[in-house]
């Protein structure tokens, strides 16, 4: 094999990376935080965390129920919303952008992107209060037993749906 260096390494082999120097002195925690937090803030900006936590105060309780902030990237705030609310949000976009920028700092959001999201504010509808079962319909020409009870209950339900009791 041909050698191209005098130190005995083969051609085409990369030299190993030197390890970073370690500081053997004590440093404050505040000096270390930016280096540790930078990768996390690249993925999820701090402004998005603030928007998500303060969303109800920024847009009000009515819009907060049917919208959810999903992403903030390059000045575009992506909002998940139910279908009919999207039209209203398009008309309110300049006001919403101003509210978010007032809360998070000027220039944080330049535009909105609306995404139809069935989960956004989709609280399950309230369950109807349980009703008392209707009184059974008497069946005179039948023996007592489970069949008579089931038919009486069925007749009562049919009458209830028809509006008669």
C-alpha atoms as a PDB file:
ATOM      1  CA  UNK A   1       0.000   0.000   0.000  1.00  0.00           C
ATOM      2  CA  UNK A   2       1.162   3.444  -0.796  1.00  0.00           C
ATOM      3  CA  UNK A   3       1.730   5.878   2.001  1.00  0.00           C
ATOM      4  CA  UNK A   4       1.067   9.536   1.423  1.00  0.00           C
ATOM      5  CA  UNK A   5       1.965  10.813   4.870  1.00  0.00           C
ATOM      6  CA  UNK A   6       4.973  10.390   6.974  1.00  0.00           C
ATOM      7  CA  UNK A   7       2.986   9.600  10.116  1.00  0.00           C
ATOM      8  CA  UNK A   8       2.020   6.145   8.807  1.00  0.00           C
ATOM      9  CA  UNK A   9      -1.734   6.658   8.191  1.00  0.00           C
ATOM     10  CA  UNK A  10      -3.333   5.301   5.034  1.00  0.00           C
ATOM     11  CA  UNK A  11      -4.631   7.520   2.267  1.00  0.00           C
ATOM     12  CA  UNK A  12      -8.331   8.423   2.501  1.00  0.00           C
ATOM     13  CA  UNK A  13      -8.659   7.818   6.241  1.00  0.00           C
ATOM     14  CA  UNK A  14      -9.998  10.741   8.226  1.00  0.00           C
ATOM     15  CA  UNK A  15      -8.176  11.798  11.314  1.00  0.00           C
ATOM     16  CA  UNK A  16     -10.168  11.235  14.518  1.00  0.00           C
ATOM     17  CA  UNK A  17     -11.885  14.298  15.926  1.00  0.00           C
ATOM     18  CA  UNK A  18     -10.182  15.704  18.954  1.00  0.00           C
ATOM     19  CA  UNK A  19     -12.319  15.716  22.073  1.00  0.00           C
ATOM     20  CA  UNK A  20     -13.529  19.132  23.183  1.00  0.00           C
ATOM     21  CA  UNK A  21     -11.556  20.677  25.965  1.00  0.00           C
ATOM     22  CA  UNK A  22     -13.129  20.422  29.344  1.00  0.00           C
ATOM     23  CA  UNK A  23     -13.149  23.328  31.713  1.00  0.00           C
ATOM     24  CA  UNK A  24     -11.854  22.255  35.060  1.00  0.00           C
ATOM     25  CA  UNK A  25     -13.208  25.328  36.774  1.00  0.00           C
ATOM     26  CA  UNK A  26     -16.689  25.807  38.165  1.00  0.00           C
ATOM     27  CA  UNK A  27     -19.187  27.627  35.950  1.00  0.00           C
ATOM     28  CA  UNK A  28     -22.561  29.021  36.799  1.00  0.00           C
ATOM     29  CA  UNK A  29     -25.667  27.127  35.730  1.00  0.00           C
ATOM     30  CA  UNK A  30     -26.905  30.196  33.859  1.00  0.00           C
ATOM     31  CA  UNK A  31     -23.845  30.024  31.578  1.00  0.00           C
ATOM     32  CA  UNK A  32     -24.619  26.404  30.637  1.00  0.00           C
ATOM     33  CA  UNK A  33     -28.359  26.770  29.941  1.00  0.00           C
ATOM     34  CA  UNK A  34     -28.138  28.341  26.432  1.00  0.00           C
ATOM     35  CA  UNK A  35     -26.002  25.504  25.075  1.00  0.00           C
ATOM     36  CA  UNK A  36     -28.292  22.872  26.569  1.00  0.00           C
ATOM     37  CA  UNK A  37     -31.598  24.550  25.616  1.00  0.00           C
ATOM     38  CA  UNK A  38     -30.671  25.569  22.061  1.00  0.00           C
ATOM     39  CA  UNK A  39     -31.476  22.170  20.439  1.00  0.00           C
ATOM     40  CA  UNK A  40     -34.835  21.984  22.226  1.00  0.00           C
ATOM     41  CA  UNK A  41     -35.799  25.519  21.193  1.00  0.00           C
ATOM     42  CA  UNK A  42     -34.914  24.775  17.578  1.00  0.00           C
ATOM     43  CA  UNK A  43     -37.582  22.063  17.529  1.00  0.00           C
ATOM     44  CA  UNK A  44     -40.164  23.859  19.691  1.00  0.00           C
ATOM     45  CA  UNK A  45     -39.707  27.615  19.984  1.00  0.00           C
ATOM     46  CA  UNK A  46     -40.279  29.196  23.382  1.00  0.00           C
ATOM     47  CA  UNK A  47     -42.917  31.455  21.834  1.00  0.00           C
ATOM     48  CA  UNK A  48     -45.010  28.391  20.927  1.00  0.00           C
ATOM     49  CA  UNK A  49     -44.903  27.191  24.518  1.00  0.00           C
ATOM     50  CA  UNK A  50     -46.087  30.598  25.676  1.00  0.00           C
ATOM     51  CA  UNK A  51     -48.840  30.693  23.050  1.00  0.00           C
ATOM     52  CA  UNK A  52     -50.025  27.209  24.022  1.00  0.00           C
ATOM     53  CA  UNK A  53     -50.121  27.948  27.745  1.00  0.00           C
ATOM     54  CA  UNK A  54     -51.745  31.382  27.408  1.00  0.00           C
ATOM     55  CA  UNK A  55     -54.037  30.551  24.466  1.00  0.00           C
ATOM     56  CA  UNK A  56     -57.310  31.083  26.355  1.00  0.00           C
ATOM     57  CA  UNK A  57     -56.176  34.526  27.597  1.00  0.00           C
ATOM     58  CA  UNK A  58     -54.890  35.551  24.163  1.00  0.00           C
ATOM     59  CA  UNK A  59     -57.951  34.709  22.060  1.00  0.00           C
ATOM     60  CA  UNK A  60     -60.698  34.536  24.671  1.00  0.00           C
ATOM     61  CA  UNK A  61     -62.597  31.547  26.046  1.00  0.00           C
ATOM     62  CA  UNK A  62     -65.008  31.196  23.110  1.00  0.00           C
ATOM     63  CA  UNK A  63     -62.305  30.813  20.441  1.00  0.00           C
ATOM     64  CA  UNK A  64     -60.078  28.808  22.787  1.00  0.00           C
ATOM     65  CA  UNK A  65     -62.795  26.143  23.007  1.00  0.00           C
ATOM     66  CA  UNK A  66     -62.789  25.508  19.253  1.00  0.00           C
ATOM     67  CA  UNK A  67     -59.133  26.201  18.318  1.00  0.00           C
ATOM     68  CA  UNK A  68     -55.759  24.761  19.306  1.00  0.00           C
ATOM     69  CA  UNK A  69     -52.319  26.180  18.431  1.00  0.00           C
ATOM     70  CA  UNK A  70     -50.363  23.351  16.785  1.00  0.00           C
ATOM     71  CA  UNK A  71     -47.097  24.756  15.432  1.00  0.00           C
ATOM     72  CA  UNK A  72     -45.084  27.963  15.116  1.00  0.00           C
ATOM     73  CA  UNK A  73     -42.469  27.963  12.408  1.00  0.00           C
ATOM     74  CA  UNK A  74     -40.889  30.871  10.501  1.00  0.00           C
ATOM     75  CA  UNK A  75     -43.569  33.295  11.677  1.00  0.00           C
ATOM     76  CA  UNK A  76     -46.482  31.054  10.638  1.00  0.00           C
ATOM     77  CA  UNK A  77     -48.777  29.950  13.451  1.00  0.00           C
ATOM     78  CA  UNK A  78     -50.685  26.769  12.572  1.00  0.00           C
ATOM     79  CA  UNK A  79     -54.072  26.537  14.262  1.00  0.00           C
ATOM     80  CA  UNK A  80     -56.199  23.430  14.464  1.00  0.00           C
ATOM     81  CA  UNK A  81     -59.872  24.317  14.348  1.00  0.00           C
ATOM     82  CA  UNK A  82     -63.260  22.820  13.701  1.00  0.00           C
ATOM     83  CA  UNK A  83     -64.495  23.287  10.119  1.00  0.00           C
ATOM     84  CA  UNK A  84     -67.122  26.032  10.564  1.00  0.00           C
ATOM     85  CA  UNK A  85     -64.799  28.137  12.735  1.00  0.00           C
ATOM     86  CA  UNK A  86     -62.171  28.435   9.989  1.00  0.00           C
ATOM     87  CA  UNK A  87     -64.177  31.045   8.087  1.00  0.00           C
ATOM     88  CA  UNK A  88     -64.543  33.186  11.201  1.00  0.00           C
ATOM     89  CA  UNK A  89     -60.815  32.840  11.934  1.00  0.00           C
ATOM     90  CA  UNK A  90     -59.953  34.035   8.421  1.00  0.00           C
ATOM     91  CA  UNK A  91     -61.847  37.244   9.101  1.00  0.00           C
ATOM     92  CA  UNK A  92     -60.291  37.608  12.574  1.00  0.00           C
ATOM     93  CA  UNK A  93     -56.738  36.764  11.415  1.00  0.00           C
ATOM     94  CA  UNK A  94     -55.269  40.301  11.627  1.00  0.00           C
ATOM     95  CA  UNK A  95     -56.701  40.773  15.116  1.00  0.00           C
ATOM     96  CA  UNK A  96     -55.476  37.325  16.270  1.00  0.00           C
ATOM     97  CA  UNK A  97     -51.986  37.993  14.914  1.00  0.00           C
ATOM     98  CA  UNK A  98     -51.911  41.325  16.752  1.00  0.00           C
ATOM     99  CA  UNK A  99     -53.050  39.671  20.006  1.00  0.00           C
ATOM    100  CA  UNK A 100     -50.403  36.920  19.777  1.00  0.00           C
ATOM    101  CA  UNK A 101     -47.669  39.422  18.934  1.00  0.00           C
ATOM    102  CA  UNK A 102     -48.769  41.622  21.825  1.00  0.00           C
ATOM    103  CA  UNK A 103     -48.437  38.636  24.143  1.00  0.00           C
ATOM    104  CA  UNK A 104     -45.232  37.047  22.776  1.00  0.00           C
ATOM    105  CA  UNK A 105     -43.347  39.943  21.258  1.00  0.00           C
ATOM    106  CA  UNK A 106     -43.517  41.945  18.052  1.00  0.00           C
ATOM    107  CA  UNK A 107     -42.927  39.937  14.873  1.00  0.00           C
ATOM    108  CA  UNK A 108     -43.420  36.500  16.414  1.00  0.00           C
ATOM    109  CA  UNK A 109     -46.362  35.673  14.135  1.00  0.00           C
ATOM    110  CA  UNK A 110     -46.741  37.059  10.612  1.00  0.00           C
ATOM    111  CA  UNK A 111     -49.523  34.832   9.304  1.00  0.00           C
ATOM    112  CA  UNK A 112     -51.935  32.081  10.295  1.00  0.00           C
ATOM    113  CA  UNK A 113     -52.371  28.665   8.737  1.00  0.00           C
ATOM    114  CA  UNK A 114     -55.706  27.014   9.488  1.00  0.00           C
ATOM    115  CA  UNK A 115     -55.923  23.242   9.600  1.00  0.00           C
ATOM    116  CA  UNK A 116     -59.181  21.393  10.014  1.00  0.00           C
ATOM    117  CA  UNK A 117     -58.816  19.399  13.189  1.00  0.00           C
ATOM    118  CA  UNK A 118     -61.643  17.375  14.670  1.00  0.00           C
ATOM    119  CA  UNK A 119     -59.911  17.210  18.048  1.00  0.00           C
ATOM    120  CA  UNK A 120     -59.676  20.990  18.436  1.00  0.00           C
ATOM    121  CA  UNK A 121     -62.009  21.913  21.207  1.00  0.00           C
ATOM    122  CA  UNK A 122     -64.118  18.839  20.604  1.00  0.00           C
ATOM    123  CA  UNK A 123     -65.565  18.325  24.018  1.00  0.00           C
ATOM    124  CA  UNK A 124     -67.904  15.388  24.070  1.00  0.00           C
ATOM    125  CA  UNK A 125     -71.544  16.455  24.002  1.00  0.00           C
ATOM    126  CA  UNK A 126     -73.216  16.303  27.385  1.00  0.00           C
ATOM    127  CA  UNK A 127     -75.094  13.117  28.037  1.00  0.00           C
ATOM    128  CA  UNK A 128     -78.816  13.443  28.491  1.00  0.00           C
ATOM    129  CA  UNK A 129     -80.033  12.971  32.021  1.00  0.00           C
ATOM    130  CA  UNK A 130     -81.239   9.431  32.618  1.00  0.00           C
ATOM    131  CA  UNK A 131     -85.018   9.221  32.572  1.00  0.00           C
ATOM    132  CA  UNK A 132     -87.207   6.998  34.614  1.00  0.00           C
ATOM    133  CA  UNK A 133     -88.439   4.036  32.620  1.00  0.00           C
ATOM    134  CA  UNK A 134     -92.014   4.443  31.444  1.00  0.00           C
ATOM    135  CA  UNK A 135     -94.661   2.430  33.243  1.00  0.00           C
ATOM    136  CA  UNK A 136     -95.274  -0.935  31.600  1.00  0.00           C
ATOM    137  CA  UNK A 137     -98.313  -1.465  29.424  1.00  0.00           C
ATOM    138  CA  UNK A 138    -100.667  -4.008  31.003  1.00  0.00           C
ATOM    139  CA  UNK A 139    -101.181  -7.202  28.992  1.00  0.00           C
ATOM    140  CA  UNK A 140    -104.240  -8.998  30.457  1.00  0.00           C
ATOM    141  CA  UNK A 141    -104.422 -12.256  28.422  1.00  0.00           C
ATOM    142  CA  UNK A 142    -100.903 -13.542  29.042  1.00  0.00           C
ATOM    143  CA  UNK A 143     -99.183 -15.589  31.727  1.00  0.00           C
ATOM    144  CA  UNK A 144     -96.782 -13.817  34.056  1.00  0.00           C
ATOM    145  CA  UNK A 145     -93.138 -14.294  33.136  1.00  0.00           C
ATOM    146  CA  UNK A 146     -90.137 -12.681  31.416  1.00  0.00           C
ATOM    147  CA  UNK A 147     -91.838 -12.584  27.998  1.00  0.00           C
ATOM    148  CA  UNK A 148     -94.824 -10.645  29.371  1.00  0.00           C
ATOM    149  CA  UNK A 149     -92.471  -8.216  31.174  1.00  0.00           C
ATOM    150  CA  UNK A 150     -90.383  -7.650  28.008  1.00  0.00           C
ATOM    151  CA  UNK A 151     -93.485  -7.044  25.850  1.00  0.00           C
ATOM    152  CA  UNK A 152     -94.933  -4.652  28.442  1.00  0.00           C
ATOM    153  CA  UNK A 153     -91.667  -2.666  28.538  1.00  0.00           C
ATOM    154  CA  UNK A 154     -91.518  -2.601  24.718  1.00  0.00           C
ATOM    155  CA  UNK A 155     -95.070  -1.311  24.514  1.00  0.00           C
ATOM    156  CA  UNK A 156     -94.263   1.420  27.043  1.00  0.00           C
ATOM    157  CA  UNK A 157     -91.232   2.568  25.016  1.00  0.00           C
ATOM    158  CA  UNK A 158     -93.263   2.645  21.803  1.00  0.00           C
ATOM    159  CA  UNK A 159     -95.955   4.756  23.469  1.00  0.00           C
ATOM    160  CA  UNK A 160     -93.306   7.090  24.917  1.00  0.00           C
ATOM    161  CA  UNK A 161     -91.711   7.714  21.507  1.00  0.00           C
ATOM    162  CA  UNK A 162     -95.101   8.286  19.943  1.00  0.00           C
ATOM    163  CA  UNK A 163     -95.769  10.943  22.559  1.00  0.00           C
ATOM    164  CA  UNK A 164     -98.465   9.088  24.447  1.00  0.00           C
ATOM    165  CA  UNK A 165     -98.138   7.860  27.954  1.00  0.00           C
END
